[in-house]
Amino acid sequence: MPTRVASALVGAALLLFVLWAGLPLVLPTLVLVLWLGSLELKEMLARRGIGLNLPFLFLGGVGLFLFSLPQLYWHFPQVPWREVGLGLFVMASFSYELLKGADLTRFAFTLLAFLYLPWSLGYVLLLRETPDGALGLWTLSLPIVASFATDIGAYFVGRAWGKRKLAPEISPGKTVEGSMGGILVSFLALVAYTGLVREVFPFGLLELWFFSLLLSLAAQLGDLAESMLKRYCGVKDSGRFLPGHGGLLDRIDSLLFTLPLTYYLVVLFT
């Protein structure tokens, strides 16, 4: 536990600095996360004899990050930039397989990895500037607070009172009680957090409960999705990125679902 806490505090400090610095630092950090996460996926899937088109995944992901830059949407709002990036990636990957062996399994899992990593991470760039560069930091902080609070609440409540298994075939350690605890702690954390900066988040309690409920459920779904992938590959952790925490994907699995959902909710409600 001391190792987990220490590495978590260091990681949180670095994350806050990167987000505060804005797009000039966020973009290269996302590229690094994409590269490390892609390597973890490649190594996990290799245990099942499945290959990834790593160059296409990485280069296509960087291209999607560029297509996710808010400046493109400001100047050319009529163009669905991210969908253009996805379409180009699908056509390029399929064309590659036609010329290099027609490995449909490699194509399918590379596309899955593309949607799992760069497609989800690209929302960081959009959220950081929504509605603008100043308030975007606070908007982006919502899924981060909700995800971390859900993980903490589910872990400690599950250890203390967990009895009924949530998804025994995917993650035997997770319980229904832990899930409920994650939802409650996420709500309390968001109430406390938004209360500190009420002028930035003018939410009522009912709206905040609805928002935190959806984000907490998304965080738990992201955690279970990665657990399903690890069980499929026969590994306990995705890697050894952080001492006491496992791999990089083990740390960002919740965010890969809460980041897109936050953007959708913000766009719908504003």
Protein backbone atom coordinates (compact mmCIF):
# COMPACT_ATOMS: atom_id res chain seq x y z
CA MET A 1 0.00 0.00 0.00
CA PRO A 2 2.75 2.61 0.75
CA THR A 3 4.23 1.96 -2.70
CA ARG A 4 0.82 2.32 -4.34
CA VAL A 5 0.12 5.59 -2.50
CA ALA A 6 3.55 7.10 -3.23
CA SER A 7 3.47 6.29 -6.94
CA ALA A 8 -0.14 7.50 -7.17
CA LEU A 9 0.78 10.86 -5.62
CA VAL A 10 3.73 11.31 -7.99
CA GLY A 11 1.56 10.37 -10.97
CA ALA A 12 -1.22 12.74 -9.89
CA ALA A 13 1.24 15.65 -9.52
CA LEU A 14 2.67 15.06 -12.99
CA LEU A 15 -0.83 14.75 -14.45
CA LEU A 16 -1.97 18.04 -12.91
CA PHE A 17 1.12 19.83 -14.25
CA VAL A 18 0.59 18.51 -17.77
CA LEU A 19 -3.09 19.47 -17.81
CA TRP A 20 -2.36 22.91 -16.39
CA ALA A 21 0.26 23.55 -19.08
CA GLY A 22 -2.34 23.05 -21.83
CA LEU A 23 -2.13 21.70 -25.36
CA PRO A 24 1.63 22.30 -25.92
CA LEU A 25 2.35 19.70 -23.23
CA VAL A 26 -0.85 17.64 -23.38
CA LEU A 27 -0.35 16.63 -27.02
CA PRO A 28 3.18 15.14 -26.68
CA THR A 29 2.11 13.46 -23.43
CA LEU A 30 -0.78 11.79 -25.24
CA VAL A 31 1.62 10.60 -27.96
CA LEU A 32 3.82 9.04 -25.25
CA VAL A 33 0.81 7.41 -23.57
CA LEU A 34 -0.33 6.06 -26.95
CA TRP A 35 3.09 4.52 -27.61
CA LEU A 36 3.39 2.90 -24.19
CA GLY A 37 -0.21 1.70 -24.21
CA SER A 38 0.17 0.25 -27.70
CA LEU A 39 3.25 -1.69 -26.60
CA GLU A 40 1.34 -3.10 -23.64
CA LEU A 41 -1.50 -4.17 -25.89
CA LYS A 42 0.93 -5.72 -28.36
CA GLU A 43 2.67 -7.75 -25.65
CA MET A 44 -0.62 -8.93 -24.13
CA LEU A 45 -2.15 -10.01 -27.43
CA ALA A 46 1.07 -11.75 -28.44
CA ARG A 47 0.36 -14.27 -25.66
CA ARG A 48 -2.66 -15.35 -27.71
CA GLY A 49 -0.72 -15.39 -30.95
CA ILE A 50 -2.42 -12.22 -32.19
CA GLY A 51 -0.38 -9.54 -33.92
CA LEU A 52 -1.01 -5.80 -34.03
CA ASN A 53 -0.09 -3.49 -36.88
CA LEU A 54 1.85 -1.30 -34.48
CA PRO A 55 3.16 1.30 -37.00
CA PHE A 56 -0.35 1.88 -38.36
CA LEU A 57 -1.81 2.02 -34.86
CA PHE A 58 0.75 4.57 -33.65
CA LEU A 59 0.87 6.77 -36.75
CA GLY A 60 -2.88 6.61 -37.21
CA GLY A 61 -3.33 7.51 -33.55
CA VAL A 62 -1.05 10.53 -33.84
CA GLY A 63 -3.00 11.59 -36.91
CA LEU A 64 -6.25 11.27 -34.98
CA PHE A 65 -4.82 13.43 -32.19
CA LEU A 66 -4.10 16.11 -34.78
CA PHE A 67 -7.64 15.75 -36.11
CA SER A 68 -8.88 16.20 -32.53
CA LEU A 69 -7.26 19.61 -32.08
CA PRO A 70 -9.96 22.13 -31.13
CA GLN A 71 -8.55 24.71 -33.54
CA LEU A 72 -9.75 22.62 -36.48
CA TYR A 73 -13.29 22.61 -35.12
CA TRP A 74 -13.16 26.35 -34.45
CA HIS A 75 -12.12 27.24 -38.00
CA PHE A 76 -13.89 24.44 -39.90
CA PRO A 77 -16.87 23.38 -37.74
CA GLN A 78 -18.64 21.78 -40.69
CA VAL A 79 -15.99 19.05 -41.06
CA PRO A 80 -16.27 15.95 -38.78
CA TRP A 81 -12.52 15.75 -38.33
CA ARG A 82 -12.32 12.77 -36.00
CA GLU A 83 -14.63 10.72 -38.21
CA VAL A 84 -12.43 11.62 -41.18
CA GLY A 85 -9.40 10.34 -39.26
CA LEU A 86 -11.19 7.11 -38.37
CA GLY A 87 -12.29 6.54 -41.96
CA LEU A 88 -8.79 7.11 -43.32
CA PHE A 89 -7.36 4.69 -40.75
CA VAL A 90 -9.84 1.95 -41.65
CA MET A 91 -9.21 2.31 -45.39
CA ALA A 92 -5.42 2.43 -44.97
CA SER A 93 -5.35 -0.60 -42.62
CA PHE A 94 -7.61 -2.64 -44.88
CA SER A 95 -5.52 -1.74 -47.93
CA TYR A 96 -2.37 -2.81 -46.07
CA GLU A 97 -3.86 -6.23 -45.32
CA LEU A 98 -4.85 -6.69 -48.96
CA LEU A 99 -1.21 -6.24 -49.91
CA LYS A 100 0.44 -7.98 -46.93
CA GLY A 101 -1.27 -11.29 -46.33
CA ALA A 102 -4.90 -10.40 -45.61
CA ASP A 103 -4.60 -11.14 -41.89
CA LEU A 104 -8.15 -10.22 -40.82
CA THR A 105 -7.46 -11.02 -37.18
CA ARG A 106 -4.62 -8.50 -37.14
CA PHE A 107 -6.84 -5.97 -38.91
CA ALA A 108 -9.73 -6.47 -36.46
CA PHE A 109 -7.60 -6.20 -33.32
CA THR A 110 -5.68 -3.20 -34.67
CA LEU A 111 -8.99 -1.45 -35.30
CA LEU A 112 -10.14 -2.40 -31.80
CA ALA A 113 -6.91 -1.00 -30.35
CA PHE A 114 -7.38 2.19 -32.38
CA LEU A 115 -10.84 2.74 -30.94
CA TYR A 116 -9.71 1.76 -27.46
CA LEU A 117 -6.66 4.02 -27.21
CA PRO A 118 -6.28 7.02 -29.58
CA TRP A 119 -9.99 7.43 -30.26
CA SER A 120 -10.75 7.70 -26.53
CA LEU A 121 -7.62 9.65 -25.59
CA GLY A 122 -8.29 12.23 -28.31
CA TYR A 123 -11.15 13.60 -26.24
CA VAL A 124 -8.58 14.97 -23.80
CA LEU A 125 -7.64 17.57 -26.42
CA LEU A 126 -11.25 18.59 -27.00
CA LEU A 127 -12.16 18.72 -23.31
CA ARG A 128 -9.05 20.78 -22.45
CA GLU A 129 -10.41 23.61 -24.60
CA THR A 130 -14.12 23.24 -23.77
CA PRO A 131 -15.55 25.84 -23.52
CA ASP A 132 -12.19 27.67 -23.67
CA GLY A 133 -8.58 27.35 -22.62
CA ALA A 134 -9.21 28.67 -19.10
CA LEU A 135 -12.35 26.76 -18.13
CA GLY A 136 -11.32 23.69 -20.11
CA LEU A 137 -8.96 22.63 -17.33
CA TRP A 138 -11.93 22.36 -14.99
CA THR A 139 -14.04 20.52 -17.56
CA LEU A 140 -11.29 17.97 -18.11
CA SER A 141 -10.87 17.50 -14.38
CA LEU A 142 -14.41 16.12 -13.96
CA PRO A 143 -13.85 12.64 -15.48
CA ILE A 144 -10.48 12.41 -13.71
CA VAL A 145 -11.96 13.13 -10.29
CA ALA A 146 -14.93 10.81 -10.93
CA SER A 147 -12.72 7.96 -12.17
CA PHE A 148 -10.21 8.12 -9.32
CA ALA A 149 -12.96 8.48 -6.70
CA THR A 150 -14.81 5.51 -8.16
CA ASP A 151 -11.68 3.36 -8.07
CA ILE A 152 -10.92 4.33 -4.47
CA GLY A 153 -14.49 3.88 -3.26
CA ALA A 154 -14.96 0.54 -5.00
CA TYR A 155 -11.64 -0.78 -3.66
CA PHE A 156 -12.12 0.08 0.01
CA VAL A 157 -15.87 -0.56 0.23
CA GLY A 158 -15.43 -3.84 -1.63
CA ARG A 159 -12.68 -4.96 0.74
CA ALA A 160 -14.70 -4.02 3.81
CA TRP A 161 -18.20 -5.18 2.89
CA GLY A 162 -18.06 -6.87 -0.50
CA LYS A 163 -19.88 -10.21 -0.70
CA ARG A 164 -21.84 -10.47 -3.96
CA LYS A 165 -19.67 -10.88 -7.06
CA LEU A 166 -20.20 -8.26 -9.77
CA ALA A 167 -18.65 -10.07 -12.74
CA PRO A 168 -17.08 -13.31 -11.45
CA GLU A 169 -16.05 -14.62 -14.87
CA ILE A 170 -14.19 -11.42 -15.75
CA SER A 171 -12.95 -9.97 -12.46
CA PRO A 172 -13.63 -12.17 -9.41
CA GLY A 173 -12.44 -9.52 -6.96
CA LYS A 174 -15.09 -6.95 -7.86
CA THR A 175 -18.34 -6.92 -5.90
CA VAL A 176 -21.76 -5.30 -6.12
CA GLU A 177 -21.14 -3.59 -2.78
CA GLY A 178 -17.85 -2.21 -4.09
CA SER A 179 -19.62 -0.91 -7.18
CA MET A 180 -22.19 0.90 -5.05
CA GLY A 181 -19.40 2.30 -2.90
CA GLY A 182 -17.63 3.61 -5.98
CA ILE A 183 -20.79 5.38 -7.13
CA LEU A 184 -21.33 6.97 -3.71
CA VAL A 185 -17.72 8.08 -3.25
CA SER A 186 -17.68 9.50 -6.78
CA PHE A 187 -20.77 11.59 -6.00
CA LEU A 188 -19.34 12.84 -2.70
CA ALA A 189 -16.02 13.66 -4.34
CA LEU A 190 -17.69 15.65 -7.11
CA VAL A 191 -19.90 17.48 -4.60
CA ALA A 192 -16.84 18.48 -2.60
CA TYR A 193 -14.77 19.32 -5.68
CA THR A 194 -17.37 21.39 -7.50
CA GLY A 195 -18.28 23.10 -4.23
CA LEU A 196 -14.77 24.56 -4.06
CA VAL A 197 -15.21 26.26 -7.44
CA ARG A 198 -18.96 26.81 -7.55
CA GLU A 199 -18.67 29.64 -10.09
CA VAL A 200 -17.15 27.22 -12.61
CA PHE A 201 -19.62 24.36 -12.03
CA PRO A 202 -23.11 25.78 -11.44
CA PHE A 203 -24.64 22.31 -10.92
CA GLY A 204 -27.57 21.50 -8.69
CA LEU A 205 -27.38 18.37 -6.55
CA LEU A 206 -29.79 16.46 -8.82
CA GLU A 207 -27.80 17.30 -11.94
CA LEU A 208 -24.55 16.48 -10.17
CA TRP A 209 -25.92 13.12 -9.00
CA PHE A 210 -26.97 12.25 -12.55
CA PHE A 211 -23.58 13.34 -13.92
CA SER A 212 -21.58 11.45 -11.28
CA LEU A 213 -23.74 8.32 -11.65
CA LEU A 214 -23.08 8.10 -15.38
CA LEU A 215 -19.37 8.82 -15.00
CA SER A 216 -18.98 6.29 -12.19
CA LEU A 217 -20.76 3.60 -14.20
CA ALA A 218 -18.57 4.43 -17.21
CA ALA A 219 -15.43 4.21 -15.04
CA GLN A 220 -16.43 0.77 -13.77
CA LEU A 221 -17.29 -0.36 -17.29
CA GLY A 222 -13.86 0.74 -18.47
CA ASP A 223 -12.24 -1.18 -15.62
CA LEU A 224 -14.22 -4.32 -16.47
CA ALA A 225 -13.45 -3.96 -20.18
CA GLU A 226 -9.73 -4.01 -19.47
CA SER A 227 -10.16 -6.91 -17.04
CA MET A 228 -11.92 -8.83 -19.82
CA LEU A 229 -9.01 -8.11 -22.16
CA LYS A 230 -6.43 -9.21 -19.57
CA ARG A 231 -8.35 -12.41 -18.83
CA TYR A 232 -8.55 -13.11 -22.56
CA CYS A 233 -4.77 -12.71 -22.81
CA GLY A 234 -4.06 -14.60 -19.59
CA VAL A 235 -2.25 -11.80 -17.71
CA LYS A 236 -2.78 -10.24 -14.27
CA ASP A 237 -1.47 -6.78 -15.14
CA SER A 238 -1.09 -5.05 -18.48
CA GLY A 239 2.53 -4.16 -17.66
CA ARG A 240 4.85 -2.70 -15.02
CA PHE A 241 4.49 1.00 -15.62
CA LEU A 242 3.87 2.18 -12.03
CA PRO A 243 5.19 0.43 -8.90
CA GLY A 244 2.30 -1.21 -7.08
CA HIS A 245 -0.22 -0.32 -9.80
CA GLY A 246 0.65 -2.53 -12.75
CA GLY A 247 0.72 -1.26 -16.31
CA LEU A 248 -0.25 2.02 -17.87
CA LEU A 249 -3.51 0.58 -19.18
CA ASP A 250 -4.36 -0.51 -15.63
CA ARG A 251 -4.24 3.15 -14.61
CA ILE A 252 -6.13 4.73 -17.50
CA ASP A 253 -8.74 2.04 -18.19
CA SER A 254 -11.49 3.99 -16.42
CA LEU A 255 -10.57 7.24 -18.16
CA LEU A 256 -10.84 5.61 -21.58
CA PHE A 257 -14.60 5.42 -20.99
CA THR A 258 -15.24 8.52 -18.85
CA LEU A 259 -13.41 10.96 -21.16
CA PRO A 260 -15.68 10.38 -24.20
CA LEU A 261 -18.81 10.31 -22.03
CA THR A 262 -17.90 13.62 -20.39
CA TYR A 263 -17.46 15.27 -23.76
CA TYR A 264 -20.82 13.93 -24.98
CA LEU A 265 -22.59 15.16 -21.83
CA VAL A 266 -20.94 18.58 -21.98
CA VAL A 267 -21.90 19.02 -25.63
CA LEU A 268 -25.47 17.86 -25.01
CA PHE A 269 -26.06 20.02 -21.93
CA THR A 270 -24.35 23.16 -23.20
